[in-house]
Amino acid sequence: MRRQPLPDDALDAIDRAILNTLQDGFPIASRPFDEAGAGLGVTGAELIDRLANLREIGAITRFGPFFDVAPMGGEFCLCAMEVPESDFGRVMTLVNAHPEVAHNYERTHRLNMWFVLAAVAPEGIETTADEIERETGLKVLRFPKLEEFFVGFRVTA
């Protein structure tokens, strides 16, 4: 199911603090949600509930670690597809079923589906992109990473 944009009041101050703070790291501790929650003024249980709600409303698509596969011998690749509007949901489901898909975003452009592939070995990018092409019948354009940039995302009040 495709998500609609969030209303301006969908996130309260604590939700915004969660999104901003947890991008910078997550504690490695026996009770990490309690520790992270304490810094945000909530209990660990409340933090877990809020993260679940942020996923439910579409403010985030996942919560978990992001591994930089390149130092481990892997590779990232930005990919784009031109997906007919009437077939978008089916194609999105097929693409997202691949564990190598790290992100998938809809854009208002001829190339309306953009996603990142992360593979443990460089040949995994080609294998996965080729599989997606076979499954969907659509071309996957591949934009391999030439240089890395970090772009922080912050939610304002």
C-alpha atoms as a PDB file:
ATOM      1  CA  MET A   1       0.000   0.000   0.000  1.00  0.00           C
ATOM      2  CA  ARG A   2       1.345   3.440  -0.913  1.00  0.00           C
ATOM      3  CA  ARG A   3       1.416   6.016   1.804  1.00  0.00           C
ATOM      4  CA  GLN A   4       0.071   9.531   1.660  1.00  0.00           C
ATOM      5  CA  PRO A   5       2.171  12.448   2.938  1.00  0.00           C
ATOM      6  CA  LEU A   6       1.973  12.883   6.698  1.00  0.00           C
ATOM      7  CA  PRO A   7      -0.118  15.764   8.010  1.00  0.00           C
ATOM      8  CA  ASP A   8       1.939  18.554   9.609  1.00  0.00           C
ATOM      9  CA  ASP A   9       0.703  17.594  13.095  1.00  0.00           C
ATOM     10  CA  ALA A  10       1.425  13.847  12.760  1.00  0.00           C
ATOM     11  CA  LEU A  11       4.595  14.096  14.876  1.00  0.00           C
ATOM     12  CA  ASP A  12       4.803  15.604  18.330  1.00  0.00           C
ATOM     13  CA  ALA A  13       7.971  17.053  19.885  1.00  0.00           C
ATOM     14  CA  ILE A  14       9.030  13.679  21.319  1.00  0.00           C
ATOM     15  CA  ASP A  15       8.587  11.926  17.961  1.00  0.00           C
ATOM     16  CA  ARG A  16      10.722  14.616  16.309  1.00  0.00           C
ATOM     17  CA  ALA A  17      13.376  14.255  19.011  1.00  0.00           C
ATOM     18  CA  ILE A  18      13.382  10.476  18.497  1.00  0.00           C
ATOM     19  CA  LEU A  19      13.891  10.849  14.746  1.00  0.00           C
ATOM     20  CA  ASN A  20      16.649  13.417  15.179  1.00  0.00           C
ATOM     21  CA  THR A  21      18.488  11.769  18.066  1.00  0.00           C
ATOM     22  CA  LEU A  22      18.499   8.110  17.059  1.00  0.00           C
ATOM     23  CA  GLN A  23      20.057   8.885  13.667  1.00  0.00           C
ATOM     24  CA  ASP A  24      23.250   9.749  15.513  1.00  0.00           C
ATOM     25  CA  GLY A  25      23.576   6.398  17.234  1.00  0.00           C
ATOM     26  CA  PHE A  26      21.903   3.868  19.454  1.00  0.00           C
ATOM     27  CA  PRO A  27      23.303   2.606  22.744  1.00  0.00           C
ATOM     28  CA  ILE A  28      24.959  -0.764  22.935  1.00  0.00           C
ATOM     29  CA  ALA A  29      23.749  -1.835  26.349  1.00  0.00           C
ATOM     30  CA  SER A  30      21.819  -4.609  28.049  1.00  0.00           C
ATOM     31  CA  ARG A  31      18.661  -2.436  27.889  1.00  0.00           C
ATOM     32  CA  PRO A  32      19.320  -0.072  24.966  1.00  0.00           C
ATOM     33  CA  PHE A  33      15.746   1.191  24.619  1.00  0.00           C
ATOM     34  CA  ASP A  34      15.684   2.170  28.302  1.00  0.00           C
ATOM     35  CA  GLU A  35      18.992   4.001  27.902  1.00  0.00           C
ATOM     36  CA  ALA A  36      17.965   5.745  24.677  1.00  0.00           C
ATOM     37  CA  GLY A  37      14.537   6.561  26.096  1.00  0.00           C
ATOM     38  CA  ALA A  38      16.036   8.134  29.227  1.00  0.00           C
ATOM     39  CA  GLY A  39      17.879  10.652  27.069  1.00  0.00           C
ATOM     40  CA  LEU A  40      14.582  11.502  25.381  1.00  0.00           C
ATOM     41  CA  GLY A  41      12.480  11.677  28.551  1.00  0.00           C
ATOM     42  CA  VAL A  42      10.512   8.473  27.901  1.00  0.00           C
ATOM     43  CA  THR A  43      10.683   4.892  29.130  1.00  0.00           C
ATOM     44  CA  GLY A  44      12.136   2.143  26.992  1.00  0.00           C
ATOM     45  CA  ALA A  45       8.655   0.686  26.515  1.00  0.00           C
ATOM     46  CA  GLU A  46       7.306   4.061  25.381  1.00  0.00           C
ATOM     47  CA  LEU A  47      10.212   4.455  22.960  1.00  0.00           C
ATOM     48  CA  ILE A  48       9.437   1.045  21.440  1.00  0.00           C
ATOM     49  CA  ASP A  49       5.729   1.968  21.147  1.00  0.00           C
ATOM     50  CA  ARG A  50       6.574   5.293  19.523  1.00  0.00           C
ATOM     51  CA  LEU A  51       8.933   3.658  17.036  1.00  0.00           C
ATOM     52  CA  ALA A  52       6.190   1.167  16.147  1.00  0.00           C
ATOM     53  CA  ASN A  53       3.754   4.049  15.645  1.00  0.00           C
ATOM     54  CA  LEU A  54       6.262   5.959  13.485  1.00  0.00           C
ATOM     55  CA  ARG A  55       6.470   2.872  11.263  1.00  0.00           C
ATOM     56  CA  GLU A  56       2.703   2.452  11.262  1.00  0.00           C
ATOM     57  CA  ILE A  57       2.042   6.018  10.093  1.00  0.00           C
ATOM     58  CA  GLY A  58       4.842   5.894   7.529  1.00  0.00           C
ATOM     59  CA  ALA A  59       7.181   8.415   9.166  1.00  0.00           C
ATOM     60  CA  ILE A  60       9.883   5.714   9.024  1.00  0.00           C
ATOM     61  CA  THR A  61      10.026   2.534   6.984  1.00  0.00           C
ATOM     62  CA  ARG A  62      12.285   0.593   9.312  1.00  0.00           C
ATOM     63  CA  PHE A  63      14.237   0.853  12.533  1.00  0.00           C
ATOM     64  CA  GLY A  64      17.521  -0.967  12.705  1.00  0.00           C
ATOM     65  CA  PRO A  65      21.226  -0.746  12.079  1.00  0.00           C
ATOM     66  CA  PHE A  66      22.673   0.489   8.839  1.00  0.00           C
ATOM     67  CA  PHE A  67      25.850  -1.324   7.948  1.00  0.00           C
ATOM     68  CA  ASP A  68      28.429   0.183   5.632  1.00  0.00           C
ATOM     69  CA  VAL A  69      29.013  -2.872   3.464  1.00  0.00           C
ATOM     70  CA  ALA A  70      31.882  -1.371   1.434  1.00  0.00           C
ATOM     71  CA  PRO A  71      34.585  -1.825   4.127  1.00  0.00           C
ATOM     72  CA  MET A  72      33.425  -5.445   4.433  1.00  0.00           C
ATOM     73  CA  GLY A  73      33.837  -6.061   0.687  1.00  0.00           C
ATOM     74  CA  GLY A  74      30.243  -5.322  -0.280  1.00  0.00           C
ATOM     75  CA  GLU A  75      28.711  -2.648  -2.453  1.00  0.00           C
ATOM     76  CA  PHE A  76      25.843  -0.141  -2.651  1.00  0.00           C
ATOM     77  CA  CYS A  77      24.056   0.984  -5.790  1.00  0.00           C
ATOM     78  CA  LEU A  78      21.309   3.551  -6.316  1.00  0.00           C
ATOM     79  CA  CYS A  79      18.700   2.236  -8.751  1.00  0.00           C
ATOM     80  CA  ALA A  80      15.719   3.770 -10.518  1.00  0.00           C
ATOM     81  CA  MET A  81      12.781   2.421 -12.488  1.00  0.00           C
ATOM     82  CA  GLU A  82      10.015   3.850 -14.623  1.00  0.00           C
ATOM     83  CA  VAL A  83       6.937   2.099 -13.248  1.00  0.00           C
ATOM     84  CA  PRO A  84       3.454   2.507 -14.731  1.00  0.00           C
ATOM     85  CA  GLU A  85       1.192   4.113 -12.122  1.00  0.00           C
ATOM     86  CA  SER A  86      -1.334   1.284 -12.449  1.00  0.00           C
ATOM     87  CA  ASP A  87       1.379  -1.292 -11.654  1.00  0.00           C
ATOM     88  CA  PHE A  88       3.242   0.588  -8.931  1.00  0.00           C
ATOM     89  CA  GLY A  89       1.955  -1.449  -5.975  1.00  0.00           C
ATOM     90  CA  ARG A  90       2.795  -4.805  -7.576  1.00  0.00           C
ATOM     91  CA  VAL A  91       6.290  -3.685  -8.576  1.00  0.00           C
ATOM     92  CA  MET A  92       6.943  -2.115  -5.149  1.00  0.00           C
ATOM     93  CA  THR A  93       6.026  -5.412  -3.465  1.00  0.00           C
ATOM     94  CA  LEU A  94       8.350  -7.389  -5.741  1.00  0.00           C
ATOM     95  CA  VAL A  95      11.251  -4.965  -5.274  1.00  0.00           C
ATOM     96  CA  ASN A  96      10.829  -4.741  -1.499  1.00  0.00           C
ATOM     97  CA  ALA A  97      10.812  -8.540  -1.185  1.00  0.00           C
ATOM     98  CA  HIS A  98      14.560  -8.569  -1.898  1.00  0.00           C
ATOM     99  CA  PRO A  99      16.631  -8.370   1.293  1.00  0.00           C
ATOM    100  CA  GLU A 100      19.234  -6.340  -0.624  1.00  0.00           C
ATOM    101  CA  VAL A 101      16.789  -3.414  -0.955  1.00  0.00           C
ATOM    102  CA  ALA A 102      17.807  -0.935   1.731  1.00  0.00           C
ATOM    103  CA  HIS A 103      15.474   1.941   0.791  1.00  0.00           C
ATOM    104  CA  ASN A 104      12.641   2.377  -1.712  1.00  0.00           C
ATOM    105  CA  TYR A 105      11.072   5.741  -2.492  1.00  0.00           C
ATOM    106  CA  GLU A 106       8.376   6.942  -4.862  1.00  0.00           C
ATOM    107  CA  ARG A 107       9.155  10.128  -6.774  1.00  0.00           C
ATOM    108  CA  THR A 108       7.026  12.352  -8.990  1.00  0.00           C
ATOM    109  CA  HIS A 109       9.205  11.979 -12.055  1.00  0.00           C
ATOM    110  CA  ARG A 110       9.354   9.724 -15.114  1.00  0.00           C
ATOM    111  CA  LEU A 111      11.720   7.576 -13.032  1.00  0.00           C
ATOM    112  CA  ASN A 112       9.215   7.235 -10.205  1.00  0.00           C
ATOM    113  CA  MET A 113      10.750   4.402  -8.147  1.00  0.00           C
ATOM    114  CA  TRP A 114      14.196   4.827  -6.569  1.00  0.00           C
ATOM    115  CA  PHE A 115      15.851   2.298  -4.294  1.00  0.00           C
ATOM    116  CA  VAL A 116      19.254   1.375  -2.904  1.00  0.00           C
ATOM    117  CA  LEU A 117      20.704  -2.091  -3.274  1.00  0.00           C
ATOM    118  CA  ALA A 118      23.229  -3.236  -0.678  1.00  0.00           C
ATOM    119  CA  ALA A 119      25.021  -6.494  -1.396  1.00  0.00           C
ATOM    120  CA  VAL A 120      27.712  -8.407   0.480  1.00  0.00           C
ATOM    121  CA  ALA A 121      29.703  -8.729  -2.762  1.00  0.00           C
ATOM    122  CA  PRO A 122      29.745  -6.447  -5.823  1.00  0.00           C
ATOM    123  CA  GLU A 123      28.270  -9.130  -8.098  1.00  0.00           C
ATOM    124  CA  GLY A 124      25.217  -9.210  -5.810  1.00  0.00           C
ATOM    125  CA  ILE A 125      24.117  -5.836  -7.173  1.00  0.00           C
ATOM    126  CA  GLU A 126      23.933  -7.129 -10.746  1.00  0.00           C
ATOM    127  CA  THR A 127      22.322 -10.403  -9.695  1.00  0.00           C
ATOM    128  CA  THR A 128      19.605  -8.662  -7.678  1.00  0.00           C
ATOM    129  CA  ALA A 129      18.931  -5.951 -10.274  1.00  0.00           C
ATOM    130  CA  ASP A 130      18.681  -8.622 -12.978  1.00  0.00           C
ATOM    131  CA  GLU A 131      16.234 -10.612 -10.809  1.00  0.00           C
ATOM    132  CA  ILE A 132      14.082  -7.513 -10.292  1.00  0.00           C
ATOM    133  CA  GLU A 133      14.047  -6.921 -14.058  1.00  0.00           C
ATOM    134  CA  ARG A 134      12.940 -10.517 -14.712  1.00  0.00           C
ATOM    135  CA  GLU A 135      10.248 -10.388 -12.016  1.00  0.00           C
ATOM    136  CA  THR A 136       8.817  -7.009 -13.006  1.00  0.00           C
ATOM    137  CA  GLY A 137       9.482  -6.900 -16.734  1.00  0.00           C
ATOM    138  CA  LEU A 138      10.919  -3.397 -16.237  1.00  0.00           C
ATOM    139  CA  LYS A 139      14.419  -1.996 -16.699  1.00  0.00           C
ATOM    140  CA  VAL A 140      16.443  -1.234 -13.546  1.00  0.00           C
ATOM    141  CA  LEU A 141      18.752   1.725 -14.114  1.00  0.00           C
ATOM    142  CA  ARG A 142      21.898   1.423 -11.991  1.00  0.00           C
ATOM    143  CA  PHE A 143      23.852   4.346 -10.583  1.00  0.00           C
ATOM    144  CA  PRO A 144      26.886   2.922  -8.756  1.00  0.00           C
ATOM    145  CA  LYS A 145      28.428   4.971  -5.977  1.00  0.00           C
ATOM    146  CA  LEU A 146      31.425   6.950  -7.192  1.00  0.00           C
ATOM    147  CA  GLU A 147      31.850   9.130  -4.133  1.00  0.00           C
ATOM    148  CA  GLU A 148      30.186   9.042  -0.717  1.00  0.00           C
ATOM    149  CA  PHE A 149      28.428  11.989   0.895  1.00  0.00           C
ATOM    150  CA  PHE A 150      26.603  12.070   4.198  1.00  0.00           C
ATOM    151  CA  VAL A 151      23.365  14.011   4.193  1.00  0.00           C
ATOM    152  CA  GLY A 152      21.775  14.325   7.607  1.00  0.00           C
ATOM    153  CA  PHE A 153      18.008  14.419   7.923  1.00  0.00           C
ATOM    154  CA  ARG A 154      16.502  16.463  10.720  1.00  0.00           C
ATOM    155  CA  VAL A 155      12.867  17.039  11.572  1.00  0.00           C
ATOM    156  CA  THR A 156      12.121  20.580  12.720  1.00  0.00           C
ATOM    157  CA  ALA A 157       9.588  21.618  15.303  1.00  0.00           C
END
